[in-house]
N, C-alpha and C. Protein backbone atom coordinates (compact mmCIF):
# COMPACT_ATOMS: atom_id res chain seq x y z
N UNK A 1 105.89 68.42 55.37
CA UNK A 1 105.48 69.66 54.75
C UNK A 1 105.51 70.79 55.79
N UNK A 2 106.08 71.95 55.43
CA UNK A 2 106.21 73.05 56.38
C UNK A 2 104.97 73.94 56.36
N UNK A 3 104.78 74.62 57.45
CA UNK A 3 103.63 75.49 57.61
C UNK A 3 104.05 76.91 57.23
N UNK A 4 103.46 77.55 56.17
CA UNK A 4 103.86 78.87 55.67
C UNK A 4 102.84 79.94 56.02
N UNK A 5 102.34 79.97 57.21
CA UNK A 5 101.39 81.00 57.60
C UNK A 5 102.10 82.33 57.79
N UNK A 6 101.47 83.41 57.36
CA UNK A 6 102.04 84.75 57.53
C UNK A 6 101.10 85.59 58.37
N UNK A 7 101.68 86.44 59.20
CA UNK A 7 100.86 87.32 60.02
C UNK A 7 100.83 88.71 59.38
N UNK A 8 100.04 89.63 59.96
CA UNK A 8 99.97 90.99 59.44
C UNK A 8 101.30 91.72 59.57
N UNK A 9 102.07 91.40 60.59
CA UNK A 9 103.37 92.06 60.75
C UNK A 9 104.33 91.65 59.64
N UNK A 10 104.23 90.41 59.17
CA UNK A 10 105.07 89.97 58.05
C UNK A 10 104.67 90.69 56.77
N UNK A 11 103.38 90.91 56.56
CA UNK A 11 102.91 91.61 55.36
C UNK A 11 103.29 93.08 55.39
N UNK A 12 103.32 93.68 56.58
CA UNK A 12 103.71 95.09 56.70
C UNK A 12 105.13 95.32 56.27
N UNK A 13 106.02 94.39 56.57
CA UNK A 13 107.41 94.56 56.15
C UNK A 13 107.57 94.32 54.66
N UNK A 14 106.70 93.50 54.06
CA UNK A 14 106.75 93.29 52.61
C UNK A 14 106.23 94.50 51.85
N UNK A 15 105.26 95.21 52.42
CA UNK A 15 104.65 96.35 51.74
C UNK A 15 105.49 97.61 51.87
N UNK A 16 106.62 97.55 52.54
CA UNK A 16 107.49 98.72 52.65
C UNK A 16 107.21 99.53 53.89
N UNK A 17 106.44 98.99 54.81
CA UNK A 17 106.16 99.70 56.06
C UNK A 17 107.38 99.67 56.96
N UNK A 18 107.19 100.05 58.19
CA UNK A 18 108.28 100.06 59.15
C UNK A 18 108.72 98.62 59.43
N UNK A 19 110.02 98.35 59.45
CA UNK A 19 110.46 96.99 59.70
C UNK A 19 110.12 96.59 61.12
N UNK A 20 109.52 95.40 61.23
CA UNK A 20 109.16 94.89 62.54
C UNK A 20 109.96 93.64 62.82
N UNK A 21 110.04 93.30 64.06
CA UNK A 21 110.81 92.13 64.45
C UNK A 21 110.12 90.87 63.94
N UNK A 22 110.85 89.96 63.27
CA UNK A 22 110.24 88.73 62.80
C UNK A 22 109.84 87.86 63.99
N UNK A 23 108.73 87.16 63.82
CA UNK A 23 108.21 86.34 64.91
C UNK A 23 108.41 84.87 64.59
N UNK A 24 108.72 84.15 65.61
CA UNK A 24 108.78 82.70 65.50
C UNK A 24 107.34 82.22 65.58
N UNK A 25 106.80 81.69 64.47
CA UNK A 25 105.38 81.36 64.40
C UNK A 25 105.01 80.24 65.36
N UNK A 26 105.92 79.35 65.65
CA UNK A 26 105.58 78.23 66.53
C UNK A 26 105.49 78.69 67.98
N UNK A 27 106.39 79.55 68.41
CA UNK A 27 106.45 79.94 69.82
C UNK A 27 105.77 81.29 70.09
N UNK A 28 105.65 82.18 69.06
CA UNK A 28 105.06 83.49 69.25
C UNK A 28 106.02 84.49 69.84
N UNK A 29 107.31 84.19 69.93
CA UNK A 29 108.31 85.10 70.48
C UNK A 29 108.94 85.91 69.36
N UNK A 30 109.34 87.14 69.67
CA UNK A 30 110.01 87.99 68.70
C UNK A 30 111.49 87.60 68.62
N UNK A 31 111.99 87.48 67.37
CA UNK A 31 113.40 87.18 67.16
C UNK A 31 114.18 88.49 67.11
N UNK A 32 115.45 88.52 67.50
CA UNK A 32 116.23 89.76 67.46
C UNK A 32 116.48 90.20 66.02
N UNK A 33 116.49 91.53 65.80
CA UNK A 33 116.71 92.10 64.47
C UNK A 33 118.13 92.64 64.42
N UNK A 34 118.84 92.36 63.33
CA UNK A 34 120.22 92.81 63.15
C UNK A 34 120.21 93.99 62.17
N UNK A 35 120.41 95.21 62.66
CA UNK A 35 120.43 96.41 61.82
C UNK A 35 121.84 96.97 61.70
N UNK A 36 122.81 96.11 61.51
CA UNK A 36 124.19 96.58 61.46
C UNK A 36 124.65 96.87 60.03
N UNK A 37 123.72 96.99 59.08
CA UNK A 37 124.08 97.26 57.68
C UNK A 37 124.58 98.68 57.52
N UNK A 38 125.13 99.00 56.35
CA UNK A 38 125.64 100.36 56.13
C UNK A 38 124.49 101.36 56.06
N UNK A 39 124.66 102.47 56.77
CA UNK A 39 123.66 103.53 56.78
C UNK A 39 124.15 104.67 55.89
N UNK A 40 123.25 105.24 55.05
CA UNK A 40 123.69 106.34 54.18
C UNK A 40 124.02 107.58 55.00
N UNK A 41 125.12 108.22 54.66
CA UNK A 41 125.53 109.44 55.36
C UNK A 41 124.80 110.63 54.76
N UNK A 42 124.39 111.59 55.59
CA UNK A 42 123.71 112.77 55.05
C UNK A 42 124.69 113.62 54.24
N UNK A 43 124.12 114.35 53.26
CA UNK A 43 124.94 115.21 52.42
C UNK A 43 125.54 116.34 53.27
N UNK A 44 126.82 116.62 53.10
CA UNK A 44 127.40 117.73 53.87
C UNK A 44 126.87 119.07 53.36
N UNK A 45 126.68 120.00 54.29
CA UNK A 45 126.21 121.33 53.90
C UNK A 45 127.31 122.10 53.19
N UNK A 46 126.90 122.94 52.26
CA UNK A 46 127.88 123.80 51.61
C UNK A 46 128.30 124.89 52.58
N UNK A 47 129.38 125.55 52.24
CA UNK A 47 129.91 126.59 53.11
C UNK A 47 129.23 127.92 52.81
N UNK A 48 129.03 128.72 53.85
CA UNK A 48 128.45 130.04 53.67
C UNK A 48 129.46 130.95 52.98
N UNK A 49 129.01 131.67 51.96
CA UNK A 49 129.90 132.55 51.20
C UNK A 49 129.38 133.98 51.33
N UNK A 50 130.08 134.79 52.15
CA UNK A 50 129.70 136.18 52.31
C UNK A 50 130.94 137.06 52.21
N UNK A 51 130.74 138.35 51.84
CA UNK A 51 131.87 139.26 51.70
C UNK A 51 132.13 140.00 53.00
N UNK A 52 133.03 140.99 52.95
CA UNK A 52 133.43 141.72 54.15
C UNK A 52 132.30 142.55 54.74
N UNK A 53 131.36 142.96 53.90
CA UNK A 53 130.22 143.76 54.40
C UNK A 53 129.08 142.88 54.91
N UNK A 54 129.26 141.56 54.90
CA UNK A 54 128.23 140.64 55.39
C UNK A 54 127.14 140.36 54.37
N UNK A 55 127.47 140.51 53.08
CA UNK A 55 126.49 140.29 52.02
C UNK A 55 126.83 139.03 51.24
N UNK A 56 125.82 138.42 50.64
CA UNK A 56 126.04 137.30 49.72
C UNK A 56 125.78 137.82 48.32
N UNK A 57 126.64 137.44 47.36
CA UNK A 57 126.53 137.93 45.98
C UNK A 57 126.22 136.77 45.04
N UNK A 58 125.41 137.05 44.04
CA UNK A 58 125.14 136.05 43.00
C UNK A 58 124.73 136.76 41.72
N UNK A 59 124.87 136.05 40.62
CA UNK A 59 124.47 136.55 39.32
C UNK A 59 123.28 135.73 38.82
N UNK A 60 122.24 136.43 38.36
CA UNK A 60 121.08 135.75 37.81
C UNK A 60 120.93 136.10 36.35
N UNK A 61 120.44 135.13 35.55
CA UNK A 61 120.27 135.35 34.12
C UNK A 61 118.93 134.83 33.65
N UNK A 62 118.33 135.54 32.70
CA UNK A 62 117.08 135.10 32.08
C UNK A 62 116.96 135.84 30.76
N UNK A 63 116.70 135.12 29.67
CA UNK A 63 116.65 135.67 28.32
C UNK A 63 117.93 136.47 28.07
N UNK A 64 117.82 137.77 27.79
CA UNK A 64 119.01 138.60 27.55
C UNK A 64 119.38 139.43 28.77
N UNK A 65 118.68 139.24 29.89
CA UNK A 65 118.91 140.05 31.08
C UNK A 65 119.92 139.39 32.01
N UNK A 66 120.78 140.23 32.61
CA UNK A 66 121.76 139.76 33.60
C UNK A 66 121.60 140.63 34.84
N UNK A 67 121.43 139.98 35.99
CA UNK A 67 121.24 140.70 37.24
C UNK A 67 122.37 140.35 38.20
N UNK A 68 122.98 141.39 38.80
CA UNK A 68 123.97 141.19 39.87
C UNK A 68 123.25 141.51 41.17
N UNK A 69 123.22 140.52 42.08
CA UNK A 69 122.38 140.62 43.27
C UNK A 69 123.22 140.48 44.54
N UNK A 70 123.01 141.39 45.50
CA UNK A 70 123.61 141.30 46.83
C UNK A 70 122.47 141.24 47.84
N UNK A 71 122.54 140.28 48.79
CA UNK A 71 121.54 140.25 49.85
C UNK A 71 122.24 140.30 51.21
N UNK A 72 121.54 140.91 52.17
CA UNK A 72 122.03 140.97 53.54
C UNK A 72 120.82 141.01 54.46
N UNK A 73 120.96 140.61 55.71
CA UNK A 73 119.83 140.65 56.63
C UNK A 73 119.31 142.08 56.79
N UNK A 74 118.00 142.21 56.82
CA UNK A 74 117.42 143.55 56.92
C UNK A 74 115.92 143.49 57.07
N UNK A 75 115.27 144.52 56.54
CA UNK A 75 113.82 144.67 56.73
C UNK A 75 113.01 144.23 55.52
N UNK A 76 113.64 143.74 54.48
CA UNK A 76 112.91 143.28 53.30
C UNK A 76 112.85 144.29 52.17
N UNK A 77 113.72 145.32 52.21
CA UNK A 77 113.72 146.35 51.17
C UNK A 77 114.45 145.82 49.93
N UNK A 78 113.85 146.02 48.77
CA UNK A 78 114.45 145.57 47.51
C UNK A 78 114.69 146.78 46.63
N UNK A 79 115.96 147.02 46.26
CA UNK A 79 116.35 148.15 45.43
C UNK A 79 116.94 147.62 44.13
N UNK A 80 116.37 148.06 43.00
CA UNK A 80 116.83 147.62 41.68
C UNK A 80 117.28 148.84 40.90
N UNK A 81 118.54 148.84 40.49
CA UNK A 81 119.14 149.96 39.75
C UNK A 81 118.89 151.30 40.44
N UNK A 82 119.00 151.32 41.77
CA UNK A 82 118.84 152.54 42.53
C UNK A 82 117.41 152.95 42.78
N UNK A 83 116.44 152.18 42.30
CA UNK A 83 115.03 152.51 42.50
C UNK A 83 114.35 151.40 43.29
N UNK A 84 113.29 151.75 44.00
CA UNK A 84 112.54 150.78 44.79
C UNK A 84 111.82 149.81 43.86
N UNK A 85 111.49 148.61 44.35
CA UNK A 85 110.89 147.60 43.49
C UNK A 85 109.52 148.02 42.96
N UNK A 86 108.75 148.80 43.75
CA UNK A 86 107.43 149.24 43.28
C UNK A 86 107.55 150.22 42.11
N UNK A 87 108.65 150.97 42.08
CA UNK A 87 108.86 151.93 40.99
C UNK A 87 109.42 151.22 39.77
N UNK A 88 110.42 150.34 39.95
CA UNK A 88 111.07 149.70 38.81
C UNK A 88 110.16 148.66 38.17
N UNK A 89 109.58 147.78 39.00
CA UNK A 89 108.64 146.78 38.48
C UNK A 89 107.24 147.22 38.89
N UNK A 90 106.60 148.01 38.03
CA UNK A 90 105.30 148.58 38.35
C UNK A 90 104.21 147.52 38.36
N UNK A 91 104.35 146.48 37.52
CA UNK A 91 103.33 145.42 37.48
C UNK A 91 103.43 144.53 38.71
N UNK A 92 102.33 144.24 39.37
CA UNK A 92 102.36 143.39 40.57
C UNK A 92 102.86 141.98 40.28
N UNK A 93 102.62 141.47 39.08
CA UNK A 93 103.07 140.11 38.76
C UNK A 93 104.59 140.03 38.76
N UNK A 94 105.26 141.07 38.32
CA UNK A 94 106.73 141.06 38.30
C UNK A 94 107.28 141.13 39.73
N UNK A 95 106.62 141.91 40.59
CA UNK A 95 107.05 141.96 42.00
C UNK A 95 106.81 140.62 42.68
N UNK A 96 105.73 139.95 42.30
CA UNK A 96 105.44 138.62 42.84
C UNK A 96 106.54 137.64 42.44
N UNK A 97 107.01 137.74 41.19
CA UNK A 97 108.06 136.84 40.69
C UNK A 97 109.35 137.02 41.49
N UNK A 98 109.76 138.25 41.75
CA UNK A 98 111.04 138.44 42.44
C UNK A 98 110.96 138.11 43.92
N UNK A 99 109.74 138.03 44.49
CA UNK A 99 109.60 137.66 45.90
C UNK A 99 109.37 136.17 46.12
N UNK A 100 109.25 135.40 45.04
CA UNK A 100 109.00 133.96 45.17
C UNK A 100 110.07 133.21 45.97
N UNK A 101 111.36 133.45 45.76
CA UNK A 101 112.36 132.69 46.54
C UNK A 101 112.23 132.89 48.04
N UNK A 102 111.88 134.10 48.47
CA UNK A 102 111.71 134.35 49.90
C UNK A 102 110.49 133.61 50.44
N UNK A 103 109.43 133.52 49.65
CA UNK A 103 108.24 132.80 50.07
C UNK A 103 108.49 131.31 50.23
N UNK A 104 109.22 130.73 49.28
CA UNK A 104 109.53 129.30 49.35
C UNK A 104 110.44 129.01 50.54
N UNK A 105 111.39 129.89 50.79
CA UNK A 105 112.34 129.70 51.90
C UNK A 105 111.78 130.17 53.24
N UNK A 106 110.57 130.74 53.24
CA UNK A 106 109.94 131.28 54.44
C UNK A 106 110.81 132.35 55.10
N UNK A 107 111.35 133.25 54.29
CA UNK A 107 112.20 134.34 54.76
C UNK A 107 111.68 135.69 54.27
N UNK A 108 110.38 135.82 54.10
CA UNK A 108 109.80 137.05 53.60
C UNK A 108 110.05 138.20 54.57
N UNK A 109 110.61 139.30 54.06
CA UNK A 109 110.86 140.48 54.87
C UNK A 109 112.07 140.39 55.78
N UNK A 110 112.94 139.41 55.58
CA UNK A 110 114.11 139.24 56.45
C UNK A 110 115.41 139.67 55.80
N UNK A 111 115.41 139.90 54.48
CA UNK A 111 116.64 140.25 53.78
C UNK A 111 116.42 141.50 52.94
N UNK A 112 117.46 142.36 52.91
CA UNK A 112 117.49 143.49 52.00
C UNK A 112 118.20 143.05 50.73
N UNK A 113 117.69 143.49 49.59
CA UNK A 113 118.25 143.12 48.30
C UNK A 113 118.67 144.38 47.56
N UNK A 114 119.90 144.37 47.06
CA UNK A 114 120.39 145.45 46.20
C UNK A 114 120.85 144.78 44.92
N UNK A 115 120.32 145.22 43.78
CA UNK A 115 120.73 144.58 42.54
C UNK A 115 120.80 145.57 41.40
N UNK A 116 121.67 145.24 40.45
CA UNK A 116 121.74 145.98 39.20
C UNK A 116 121.41 144.99 38.11
N UNK A 117 120.58 145.41 37.18
CA UNK A 117 120.16 144.51 36.11
C UNK A 117 120.27 145.25 34.78
N UNK A 118 120.76 144.53 33.77
CA UNK A 118 120.95 145.09 32.44
C UNK A 118 120.42 144.13 31.39
N UNK A 119 120.00 144.68 30.27
CA UNK A 119 119.60 143.88 29.12
C UNK A 119 118.18 143.34 29.23
N UNK A 120 117.62 142.98 28.07
CA UNK A 120 116.31 142.37 28.03
C UNK A 120 115.19 143.33 28.38
N UNK A 121 113.99 142.77 28.52
CA UNK A 121 112.82 143.56 28.91
C UNK A 121 112.53 143.36 30.38
N UNK A 122 111.42 143.90 30.82
CA UNK A 122 111.09 143.84 32.24
C UNK A 122 110.82 142.41 32.71
N UNK A 123 110.18 141.59 31.89
CA UNK A 123 109.90 140.21 32.28
C UNK A 123 111.18 139.41 32.45
N UNK A 124 112.09 139.56 31.50
CA UNK A 124 113.38 138.87 31.59
C UNK A 124 114.20 139.38 32.76
N UNK A 125 114.12 140.69 33.03
CA UNK A 125 114.86 141.24 34.16
C UNK A 125 114.31 140.73 35.48
N UNK A 126 112.99 140.59 35.58
CA UNK A 126 112.40 140.05 36.81
C UNK A 126 112.83 138.60 37.01
N UNK A 127 112.88 137.83 35.94
CA UNK A 127 113.35 136.45 36.04
C UNK A 127 114.81 136.37 36.43
N UNK A 128 115.61 137.29 35.91
CA UNK A 128 117.03 137.32 36.26
C UNK A 128 117.23 137.68 37.73
N UNK A 129 116.46 138.64 38.22
CA UNK A 129 116.55 139.02 39.63
C UNK A 129 116.13 137.85 40.52
N UNK A 130 115.07 137.15 40.13
CA UNK A 130 114.61 135.98 40.89
C UNK A 130 115.70 134.91 40.95
N UNK A 131 116.34 134.64 39.83
CA UNK A 131 117.43 133.65 39.77
C UNK A 131 118.59 134.10 40.65
N UNK A 132 118.94 135.38 40.60
CA UNK A 132 120.04 135.89 41.41
C UNK A 132 119.73 135.86 42.90
N UNK A 133 118.50 136.21 43.27
CA UNK A 133 118.11 136.16 44.68
C UNK A 133 118.18 134.72 45.20
N UNK A 134 117.72 133.78 44.39
CA UNK A 134 117.75 132.37 44.80
C UNK A 134 119.18 131.90 45.03
N UNK A 135 120.07 132.26 44.10
CA UNK A 135 121.47 131.84 44.23
C UNK A 135 122.11 132.49 45.47
N UNK A 136 121.86 133.78 45.66
CA UNK A 136 122.46 134.49 46.80
C UNK A 136 121.90 133.98 48.13
N UNK A 137 120.63 133.64 48.15
CA UNK A 137 120.00 133.12 49.37
C UNK A 137 120.64 131.80 49.78
N UNK A 138 120.93 130.94 48.82
CA UNK A 138 121.56 129.67 49.15
C UNK A 138 123.02 129.84 49.54
N UNK A 139 123.65 130.93 49.11
CA UNK A 139 125.02 131.19 49.54
C UNK A 139 125.04 131.76 50.96
N UNK A 140 124.02 132.55 51.30
CA UNK A 140 123.97 133.11 52.65
C UNK A 140 123.52 132.07 53.66
N UNK A 141 122.50 131.29 53.31
CA UNK A 141 122.00 130.22 54.19
C UNK A 141 121.99 128.90 53.42
N UNK A 142 123.07 128.12 53.48
CA UNK A 142 123.14 126.88 52.70
C UNK A 142 122.06 125.87 53.05
N UNK A 143 121.45 125.97 54.21
CA UNK A 143 120.39 125.03 54.60
C UNK A 143 119.14 125.22 53.73
N UNK A 144 119.00 126.39 53.12
CA UNK A 144 117.83 126.68 52.29
C UNK A 144 117.96 126.15 50.87
N UNK A 145 119.09 125.54 50.54
CA UNK A 145 119.31 125.06 49.18
C UNK A 145 118.24 124.03 48.75
N UNK A 146 117.89 123.11 49.64
CA UNK A 146 116.93 122.05 49.29
C UNK A 146 115.56 122.60 48.90
N UNK A 147 114.91 123.46 49.70
CA UNK A 147 113.58 123.93 49.28
C UNK A 147 113.63 124.83 48.04
N UNK A 148 114.69 125.65 47.93
CA UNK A 148 114.78 126.55 46.77
C UNK A 148 115.05 125.75 45.50
N UNK A 149 115.88 124.72 45.61
CA UNK A 149 116.17 123.88 44.44
C UNK A 149 114.95 123.05 44.05
N UNK A 150 114.19 122.58 45.05
CA UNK A 150 112.99 121.79 44.77
C UNK A 150 111.95 122.63 44.03
N UNK A 151 111.93 123.93 44.30
CA UNK A 151 111.00 124.83 43.60
C UNK A 151 111.49 125.15 42.19
N UNK A 152 112.75 124.81 41.87
CA UNK A 152 113.28 125.03 40.53
C UNK A 152 113.86 126.41 40.30
N UNK A 153 114.16 127.14 41.37
CA UNK A 153 114.65 128.51 41.21
C UNK A 153 116.15 128.61 40.99
N UNK A 154 116.90 127.54 41.24
CA UNK A 154 118.35 127.60 41.05
C UNK A 154 118.76 127.28 39.62
N UNK A 155 117.85 126.74 38.84
CA UNK A 155 118.15 126.39 37.46
C UNK A 155 117.89 127.60 36.57
N UNK A 156 118.86 127.92 35.73
CA UNK A 156 118.68 129.04 34.81
C UNK A 156 117.71 128.63 33.72
N UNK A 157 116.70 129.45 33.48
CA UNK A 157 115.74 129.18 32.42
C UNK A 157 116.41 129.48 31.09
N UNK A 158 116.74 128.45 30.33
CA UNK A 158 117.55 128.63 29.13
C UNK A 158 116.74 129.00 27.90
N UNK A 159 115.43 129.17 28.03
CA UNK A 159 114.62 129.50 26.86
C UNK A 159 114.91 130.93 26.41
N UNK A 160 115.25 131.06 25.14
CA UNK A 160 115.52 132.39 24.57
C UNK A 160 114.76 132.50 23.26
N UNK A 161 114.77 133.68 22.68
CA UNK A 161 114.08 133.93 21.42
C UNK A 161 114.83 133.22 20.29
N UNK A 162 114.07 132.53 19.46
CA UNK A 162 114.67 131.83 18.32
C UNK A 162 115.10 132.84 17.26
N UNK A 163 116.23 132.59 16.63
CA UNK A 163 116.74 133.56 15.67
C UNK A 163 115.94 133.57 14.38
N UNK A 164 115.96 134.72 13.70
CA UNK A 164 115.28 134.85 12.43
C UNK A 164 116.05 134.11 11.34
N UNK A 165 115.33 133.38 10.48
CA UNK A 165 115.97 132.62 9.40
C UNK A 165 115.88 133.39 8.09
N UNK A 166 116.83 133.09 7.23
CA UNK A 166 116.85 133.69 5.89
C UNK A 166 115.63 133.21 5.11
N UNK A 167 114.97 134.15 4.39
CA UNK A 167 113.80 133.79 3.58
C UNK A 167 112.51 133.72 4.37
N UNK A 168 112.56 134.07 5.62
CA UNK A 168 111.36 134.05 6.46
C UNK A 168 111.11 135.44 7.01
N UNK A 169 109.85 135.72 7.36
CA UNK A 169 109.51 137.02 7.94
C UNK A 169 110.01 137.10 9.39
N UNK A 170 109.88 135.99 10.11
CA UNK A 170 110.37 135.91 11.47
C UNK A 170 111.14 134.60 11.60
N UNK A 171 111.16 134.02 12.78
CA UNK A 171 111.90 132.77 12.96
C UNK A 171 111.29 131.64 12.13
N UNK A 172 109.95 131.55 12.15
CA UNK A 172 109.29 130.49 11.39
C UNK A 172 108.20 131.00 10.46
N UNK A 173 107.75 132.21 10.65
CA UNK A 173 106.66 132.77 9.86
C UNK A 173 107.14 133.07 8.45
N UNK A 174 106.41 132.55 7.47
CA UNK A 174 106.74 132.82 6.07
C UNK A 174 106.12 134.14 5.65
N UNK A 175 106.63 134.68 4.55
CA UNK A 175 106.03 135.88 4.00
C UNK A 175 104.65 135.54 3.47
N UNK A 176 103.77 136.53 3.42
CA UNK A 176 102.42 136.29 2.94
C UNK A 176 102.43 135.84 1.50
N UNK A 177 101.66 134.78 1.23
CA UNK A 177 101.59 134.24 -0.12
C UNK A 177 100.73 135.12 -0.99
N UNK A 178 101.21 135.41 -2.21
CA UNK A 178 100.44 136.22 -3.16
C UNK A 178 100.24 135.40 -4.42
N UNK A 179 98.98 135.16 -4.78
CA UNK A 179 98.69 134.34 -5.97
C UNK A 179 99.01 135.13 -7.23
N UNK A 180 98.81 136.44 -7.26
CA UNK A 180 99.05 137.23 -8.46
C UNK A 180 99.99 138.39 -8.17
């Protein structure tokens, strides 16, 4: 009958801890470990995409709004449709939304943003600018793709207003019922 005693080092390798050298239980000597298996290769970085003026361009979309965004290194100035962000997005929550990608990437105040946005309301336009800034940031610095994608800023928010149906007051709201 064989002796099946296990040590703490054997249990550590079973629990998913760091692999340790197996021990010969009779002699107490460490056996050599063979780590010649295939190692996963890291994902290659995407290529930096910038224009002749040193800017990265991207398009952002949200609801009915479409934003064309250019970013370049600078002091953190954001211009939307020729106006400063404090003038265009007067509500602080909207300014917070468009600055989120820089906060996640830890690049606050390092890039100037110039964008034109059309369609939709102010909330949709802020979401479109945020999407465009995120896309342009990953084109300028491909290393930032992982944190920005993990935050969910590269995915277009596809939620839109549901269309009005025939025989209804709105998309789902029925007309008021009248007994007489």
